Structure formats: C-alpha cells, structure tokens
Amino acid sequence: MMPAQPIDRSHGKPRVPFFVPLFNPIARRMLRGGVPLGPNALLTVRGRSSGVDRTTPVAVVAIGGRRWVIATFGDVNWARNLRAAGVATLTVSRQPEAVVARELPQAEAATFFRDTLTPYVGHVPLGRWILGSMLGAREIFTDPDGAAQHHPVFELRPRPSGGLAAETVQPA
C-alpha cells in the first residue's frame, strides 16, 4: 500500500477560539463520567513524539453507519497524532472502542463537506451556527474545497481484532 501524500496545511491556518482550552478539561471530565454531550466523544491517541496517550474531546459525525472526526481548528496536535498513529480509542458513554483512522484526501474531504456534512448539519438544531460561527469553520459551508486544505477529516472504523496494524487494513 502506497503511503499517503502529505497534505500542505500551512496557509490560512484556522485559530482555536479562546474558550476551547478552558472548556476541554471540563468536557473531558464530563465525558469520562458518561455525561452525554451531544455528538462529543473522547479520542485517545498515542503522541507521535512522546508515545504518551493523549485524550481530547472531539465531535463525531455519524451518518449512515459511518463515522468521521473533523479537525475544526486545523492541523492541531490530536490530528497530527492520529495521522501518525493511524489507530485510536474512541470512548462514547464510558464505552471504549478501538478504531482505525483513515485521513480523507483533500478532494474526498471537500466532497464530504459539500455532500455529507452540509446537509446533515442543516438538520441539527443550531448545528450550522455552532460549527460555522462559534467554532470559526464557516468555510466548510461556503468553500468546501478551501476548507479541505485546512480541516483534516478522518473516517473512523472499528479496529479489526487479531492485532492487525493500521497499515494492513484496506480501505473499503
């Protein structure tokens, strides 16, 4: 299997809103305790440099039996760690699940934003406002091709049992 081409995300870097570092520890504690916070879950990924497991709250987009996570604030540490590790643990309602992550190439991410996320968020109360205005990712709706350059998207699938490495799992 050919390694994925690196994606240049150096221009137009999204900014993390001031409240996110304040809210993340609270959300992490609540999610660990099993408190439902909408589509949010805990993503635990091994650090690419430290080798230490890192856990962060993420919003999981679940549609038609498939799941994705979007790096709303750009190529942040959890996204770089997930890209490097290829595997993670997703914890929902105190139930951990081992997952394999596949980063969508830019063209596929743009299609995802345009054809999957935009119609889905339009049906979620306040979804478009939260993602677009509050979290500063308006370009996902207005310029999906441009957004795909700055917002990594990972599809999550259950990790096969038997100890297969992420590199040996073939995309569907």
C-alpha atoms as a PDB file:
ATOM      1  CA  MET A   1       0.000   0.000   0.000  1.00  0.00           C
ATOM      2  CA  MET A   2       1.398   3.377  -1.024  1.00  0.00           C
ATOM      3  CA  PRO A   3       1.885   5.938   1.757  1.00  0.00           C
ATOM      4  CA  ALA A   4      -0.487   8.879   1.583  1.00  0.00           C
ATOM      5  CA  GLN A   5       0.913  12.067   0.154  1.00  0.00           C
ATOM      6  CA  PRO A   6       1.429  14.715   2.832  1.00  0.00           C
ATOM      7  CA  ILE A   7      -1.162  17.438   2.727  1.00  0.00           C
ATOM      8  CA  ASP A   8       0.059  21.033   2.889  1.00  0.00           C
ATOM      9  CA  ARG A   9      -1.948  22.783   5.591  1.00  0.00           C
ATOM     10  CA  SER A  10       0.448  25.649   6.223  1.00  0.00           C
ATOM     11  CA  HIS A  11      -1.613  28.512   4.750  1.00  0.00           C
ATOM     12  CA  GLY A  12      -4.763  30.028   6.207  1.00  0.00           C
ATOM     13  CA  LYS A  13      -4.447  28.168   9.486  1.00  0.00           C
ATOM     14  CA  PRO A  14      -7.696  28.251  11.492  1.00  0.00           C
ATOM     15  CA  ARG A  15      -7.469  29.631  15.015  1.00  0.00           C
ATOM     16  CA  VAL A  16      -8.628  27.928  18.174  1.00  0.00           C
ATOM     17  CA  PRO A  17     -11.257  30.112  19.919  1.00  0.00           C
ATOM     18  CA  PHE A  18     -10.247  31.333  23.378  1.00  0.00           C
ATOM     19  CA  PHE A  19     -12.847  29.210  25.191  1.00  0.00           C
ATOM     20  CA  VAL A  20     -11.729  25.827  23.812  1.00  0.00           C
ATOM     21  CA  PRO A  21      -8.689  25.356  26.100  1.00  0.00           C
ATOM     22  CA  LEU A  22     -10.902  26.383  29.020  1.00  0.00           C
ATOM     23  CA  PHE A  23     -13.786  24.082  28.115  1.00  0.00           C
ATOM     24  CA  ASN A  24     -11.836  20.972  27.010  1.00  0.00           C
ATOM     25  CA  PRO A  25     -10.788  19.851  30.528  1.00  0.00           C
ATOM     26  CA  ILE A  26     -14.389  20.229  31.717  1.00  0.00           C
ATOM     27  CA  ALA A  27     -15.754  18.330  28.692  1.00  0.00           C
ATOM     28  CA  ARG A  28     -13.097  15.629  29.149  1.00  0.00           C
ATOM     29  CA  ARG A  29     -14.161  15.073  32.780  1.00  0.00           C
ATOM     30  CA  MET A  30     -17.852  15.043  31.910  1.00  0.00           C
ATOM     31  CA  LEU A  31     -17.393  12.613  29.021  1.00  0.00           C
ATOM     32  CA  ARG A  32     -15.202  10.329  31.171  1.00  0.00           C
ATOM     33  CA  GLY A  33     -18.037  10.270  33.688  1.00  0.00           C
ATOM     34  CA  GLY A  34     -20.523   9.244  30.997  1.00  0.00           C
ATOM     35  CA  VAL A  35     -22.357  12.575  30.756  1.00  0.00           C
ATOM     36  CA  PRO A  36     -23.747  12.842  27.204  1.00  0.00           C
ATOM     37  CA  LEU A  37     -22.586  15.980  25.402  1.00  0.00           C
ATOM     38  CA  GLY A  38     -24.322  15.679  22.042  1.00  0.00           C
ATOM     39  CA  PRO A  39     -22.083  14.196  19.360  1.00  0.00           C
ATOM     40  CA  ASN A  40     -18.958  14.547  21.503  1.00  0.00           C
ATOM     41  CA  ALA A  41     -16.717  11.645  22.453  1.00  0.00           C
ATOM     42  CA  LEU A  42     -13.218  11.151  23.802  1.00  0.00           C
ATOM     43  CA  LEU A  43     -10.465  10.352  21.328  1.00  0.00           C
ATOM     44  CA  THR A  44      -7.324   8.809  22.792  1.00  0.00           C
ATOM     45  CA  VAL A  45      -4.288   8.708  20.526  1.00  0.00           C
ATOM     46  CA  ARG A  46      -0.642   7.904  21.205  1.00  0.00           C
ATOM     47  CA  GLY A  47       1.539  11.015  20.938  1.00  0.00           C
ATOM     48  CA  ARG A  48       3.708  10.940  17.834  1.00  0.00           C
ATOM     49  CA  SER A  49       6.790  12.173  19.700  1.00  0.00           C
ATOM     50  CA  SER A  50       6.214  11.320  23.349  1.00  0.00           C
ATOM     51  CA  GLY A  51       4.498   7.961  22.907  1.00  0.00           C
ATOM     52  CA  VAL A  52       2.148   9.000  25.715  1.00  0.00           C
ATOM     53  CA  ASP A  53      -1.595   8.529  25.217  1.00  0.00           C
ATOM     54  CA  ARG A  54      -3.378  11.863  24.743  1.00  0.00           C
ATOM     55  CA  THR A  55      -7.147  12.243  25.179  1.00  0.00           C
ATOM     56  CA  THR A  56      -9.213  15.061  23.733  1.00  0.00           C
ATOM     57  CA  PRO A  57     -12.932  15.673  23.269  1.00  0.00           C
ATOM     58  CA  VAL A  58     -13.989  15.583  19.628  1.00  0.00           C
ATOM     59  CA  ALA A  59     -17.316  15.791  17.826  1.00  0.00           C
ATOM     60  CA  VAL A  60     -18.132  12.602  15.943  1.00  0.00           C
ATOM     61  CA  VAL A  61     -20.183  12.906  12.773  1.00  0.00           C
ATOM     62  CA  ALA A  62     -22.160   9.662  12.482  1.00  0.00           C
ATOM     63  CA  ILE A  63     -24.251   9.205   9.343  1.00  0.00           C
ATOM     64  CA  GLY A  64     -25.460   6.005   7.728  1.00  0.00           C
ATOM     65  CA  GLY A  65     -23.340   3.727   9.885  1.00  0.00           C
ATOM     66  CA  ARG A  66     -20.120   5.629   9.102  1.00  0.00           C
ATOM     67  CA  ARG A  67     -18.214   7.945  11.466  1.00  0.00           C
ATOM     68  CA  TRP A  68     -15.839  10.834  10.945  1.00  0.00           C
ATOM     69  CA  VAL A  69     -13.976  13.369  13.067  1.00  0.00           C
ATOM     70  CA  ILE A  70     -13.064  16.798  11.713  1.00  0.00           C
ATOM     71  CA  ALA A  71     -10.145  18.873  12.923  1.00  0.00           C
ATOM     72  CA  THR A  72     -12.279  22.004  13.112  1.00  0.00           C
ATOM     73  CA  PHE A  73      -9.337  24.119  14.268  1.00  0.00           C
ATOM     74  CA  GLY A  74      -6.947  22.895  11.584  1.00  0.00           C
ATOM     75  CA  ASP A  75      -3.960  20.602  11.793  1.00  0.00           C
ATOM     76  CA  VAL A  76      -3.881  20.509  15.609  1.00  0.00           C
ATOM     77  CA  ASN A  77      -1.909  18.048  17.739  1.00  0.00           C
ATOM     78  CA  TRP A  78      -4.616  15.398  18.017  1.00  0.00           C
ATOM     79  CA  ALA A  79      -4.972  15.372  14.205  1.00  0.00           C
ATOM     80  CA  ARG A  80      -1.202  15.057  13.674  1.00  0.00           C
ATOM     81  CA  ASN A  81      -1.066  12.305  16.298  1.00  0.00           C
ATOM     82  CA  LEU A  82      -3.971  10.438  14.690  1.00  0.00           C
ATOM     83  CA  ARG A  83      -2.362  10.762  11.258  1.00  0.00           C
ATOM     84  CA  ALA A  84       0.889   9.318  12.617  1.00  0.00           C
ATOM     85  CA  ALA A  85      -0.683   6.529  14.699  1.00  0.00           C
ATOM     86  CA  GLY A  86      -3.492   5.506  12.350  1.00  0.00           C
ATOM     87  CA  VAL A  87      -5.323   3.970  15.312  1.00  0.00           C
ATOM     88  CA  ALA A  88      -7.059   5.340  18.391  1.00  0.00           C
ATOM     89  CA  THR A  89      -9.599   4.615  21.083  1.00  0.00           C
ATOM     90  CA  LEU A  90     -12.973   6.316  20.814  1.00  0.00           C
ATOM     91  CA  THR A  91     -14.928   6.442  24.082  1.00  0.00           C
ATOM     92  CA  VAL A  92     -18.671   7.111  23.982  1.00  0.00           C
ATOM     93  CA  SER A  93     -20.807   6.791  27.127  1.00  0.00           C
ATOM     94  CA  ARG A  94     -17.853   5.268  29.003  1.00  0.00           C
ATOM     95  CA  GLN A  95     -17.583   2.524  26.355  1.00  0.00           C
ATOM     96  CA  PRO A  96     -14.135   2.456  24.704  1.00  0.00           C
ATOM     97  CA  GLU A  97     -13.792   1.187  21.146  1.00  0.00           C
ATOM     98  CA  ALA A  98     -10.558   0.579  19.256  1.00  0.00           C
ATOM     99  CA  VAL A  99     -10.732   2.290  15.861  1.00  0.00           C
ATOM    100  CA  VAL A 100      -8.664   2.629  12.706  1.00  0.00           C
ATOM    101  CA  ALA A 101      -8.476   6.124  11.242  1.00  0.00           C
ATOM    102  CA  ARG A 102      -8.139   6.977   7.567  1.00  0.00           C
ATOM    103  CA  GLU A 103      -7.491  10.586   6.640  1.00  0.00           C
ATOM    104  CA  LEU A 104      -9.558  11.667   3.675  1.00  0.00           C
ATOM    105  CA  PRO A 105      -7.556  13.119   0.778  1.00  0.00           C
ATOM    106  CA  GLN A 106      -8.395  16.777   0.053  1.00  0.00           C
ATOM    107  CA  ALA A 107     -10.766  16.039  -2.845  1.00  0.00           C
ATOM    108  CA  GLU A 108     -12.647  13.460  -0.786  1.00  0.00           C
ATOM    109  CA  ALA A 109     -12.763  15.816   2.224  1.00  0.00           C
ATOM    110  CA  ALA A 110     -14.249  18.575   0.033  1.00  0.00           C
ATOM    111  CA  THR A 111     -16.898  16.152  -1.227  1.00  0.00           C
ATOM    112  CA  PHE A 112     -17.586  15.102   2.367  1.00  0.00           C
ATOM    113  CA  PHE A 113     -18.081  18.739   3.433  1.00  0.00           C
ATOM    114  CA  ARG A 114     -20.327  19.509   0.449  1.00  0.00           C
ATOM    115  CA  ASP A 115     -22.400  16.318   0.115  1.00  0.00           C
ATOM    116  CA  THR A 116     -22.451  14.785   3.600  1.00  0.00           C
ATOM    117  CA  LEU A 117     -21.741  17.337   6.328  1.00  0.00           C
ATOM    118  CA  THR A 118     -23.597  20.370   4.964  1.00  0.00           C
ATOM    119  CA  PRO A 119     -26.951  18.564   4.518  1.00  0.00           C
ATOM    120  CA  TYR A 120     -26.511  16.774   7.868  1.00  0.00           C
ATOM    121  CA  VAL A 121     -25.696  19.902   9.879  1.00  0.00           C
ATOM    122  CA  GLY A 122     -28.649  21.660   8.272  1.00  0.00           C
ATOM    123  CA  HIS A 123     -30.930  19.214  10.136  1.00  0.00           C
ATOM    124  CA  VAL A 124     -29.203  19.577  13.514  1.00  0.00           C
ATOM    125  CA  PRO A 125     -30.646  22.393  15.654  1.00  0.00           C
ATOM    126  CA  LEU A 126     -28.025  25.157  15.838  1.00  0.00           C
ATOM    127  CA  GLY A 127     -25.506  22.819  14.138  1.00  0.00           C
ATOM    128  CA  ARG A 128     -24.558  25.184  11.333  1.00  0.00           C
ATOM    129  CA  TRP A 129     -24.273  28.134  13.729  1.00  0.00           C
ATOM    130  CA  ILE A 130     -22.106  26.210  16.204  1.00  0.00           C
ATOM    131  CA  LEU A 131     -19.753  24.824  13.572  1.00  0.00           C
ATOM    132  CA  GLY A 132     -19.714  27.905  11.354  1.00  0.00           C
ATOM    133  CA  SER A 133     -19.871  30.856  13.724  1.00  0.00           C
ATOM    134  CA  MET A 134     -18.961  29.708  17.199  1.00  0.00           C
ATOM    135  CA  LEU A 135     -16.147  27.353  16.137  1.00  0.00           C
ATOM    136  CA  GLY A 136     -14.988  29.510  13.235  1.00  0.00           C
ATOM    137  CA  ALA A 137     -15.289  26.871  10.499  1.00  0.00           C
ATOM    138  CA  ARG A 138     -17.720  28.771   8.259  1.00  0.00           C
ATOM    139  CA  GLU A 139     -15.621  27.950   5.181  1.00  0.00           C
ATOM    140  CA  ILE A 140     -16.742  24.316   5.452  1.00  0.00           C
ATOM    141  CA  PHE A 141     -20.118  25.519   4.137  1.00  0.00           C
ATOM    142  CA  THR A 142     -19.027  28.413   1.926  1.00  0.00           C
ATOM    143  CA  ASP A 143     -15.847  26.956   0.350  1.00  0.00           C
ATOM    144  CA  PRO A 144     -15.631  23.171   0.814  1.00  0.00           C
ATOM    145  CA  ASP A 145     -12.594  22.901  -1.477  1.00  0.00           C
ATOM    146  CA  GLY A 146     -10.705  25.540   0.504  1.00  0.00           C
ATOM    147  CA  ALA A 147     -11.857  24.054   3.811  1.00  0.00           C
ATOM    148  CA  ALA A 148     -10.464  20.658   2.812  1.00  0.00           C
ATOM    149  CA  GLN A 149      -6.995  22.239   2.708  1.00  0.00           C
ATOM    150  CA  HIS A 150      -7.230  23.428   6.323  1.00  0.00           C
ATOM    151  CA  HIS A 151      -9.519  20.994   8.148  1.00  0.00           C
ATOM    152  CA  PRO A 152      -8.331  17.367   8.184  1.00  0.00           C
ATOM    153  CA  VAL A 153     -11.133  14.785   8.169  1.00  0.00           C
ATOM    154  CA  PHE A 154     -10.654  11.225   9.417  1.00  0.00           C
ATOM    155  CA  GLU A 155     -13.037   8.345   8.875  1.00  0.00           C
ATOM    156  CA  LEU A 156     -13.132   6.008  11.873  1.00  0.00           C
ATOM    157  CA  ARG A 157     -13.832   2.297  11.563  1.00  0.00           C
ATOM    158  CA  PRO A 158     -13.748  -0.463  14.166  1.00  0.00           C
ATOM    159  CA  ARG A 159     -10.239  -1.857  14.525  1.00  0.00           C
ATOM    160  CA  PRO A 160     -10.144  -5.467  13.360  1.00  0.00           C
ATOM    161  CA  SER A 161      -9.278  -7.963  16.064  1.00  0.00           C
ATOM    162  CA  GLY A 162      -6.220 -10.136  15.663  1.00  0.00           C
ATOM    163  CA  GLY A 163      -3.619  -7.403  16.089  1.00  0.00           C
ATOM    164  CA  LEU A 164      -3.561  -6.129  12.505  1.00  0.00           C
ATOM    165  CA  ALA A 165      -1.565  -2.944  12.146  1.00  0.00           C
ATOM    166  CA  ALA A 166      -3.376   0.051  10.687  1.00  0.00           C
ATOM    167  CA  GLU A 167      -1.168  -0.107   7.587  1.00  0.00           C
ATOM    168  CA  THR A 168      -2.516  -3.539   6.662  1.00  0.00           C
ATOM    169  CA  VAL A 169      -6.187  -2.562   6.833  1.00  0.00           C
ATOM    170  CA  GLN A 170      -7.516  -1.978   3.332  1.00  0.00           C
ATOM    171  CA  PRO A 171      -9.968   0.911   2.827  1.00  0.00           C
ATOM    172  CA  ALA A 172     -13.467  -0.119   1.799  1.00  0.00           C
END
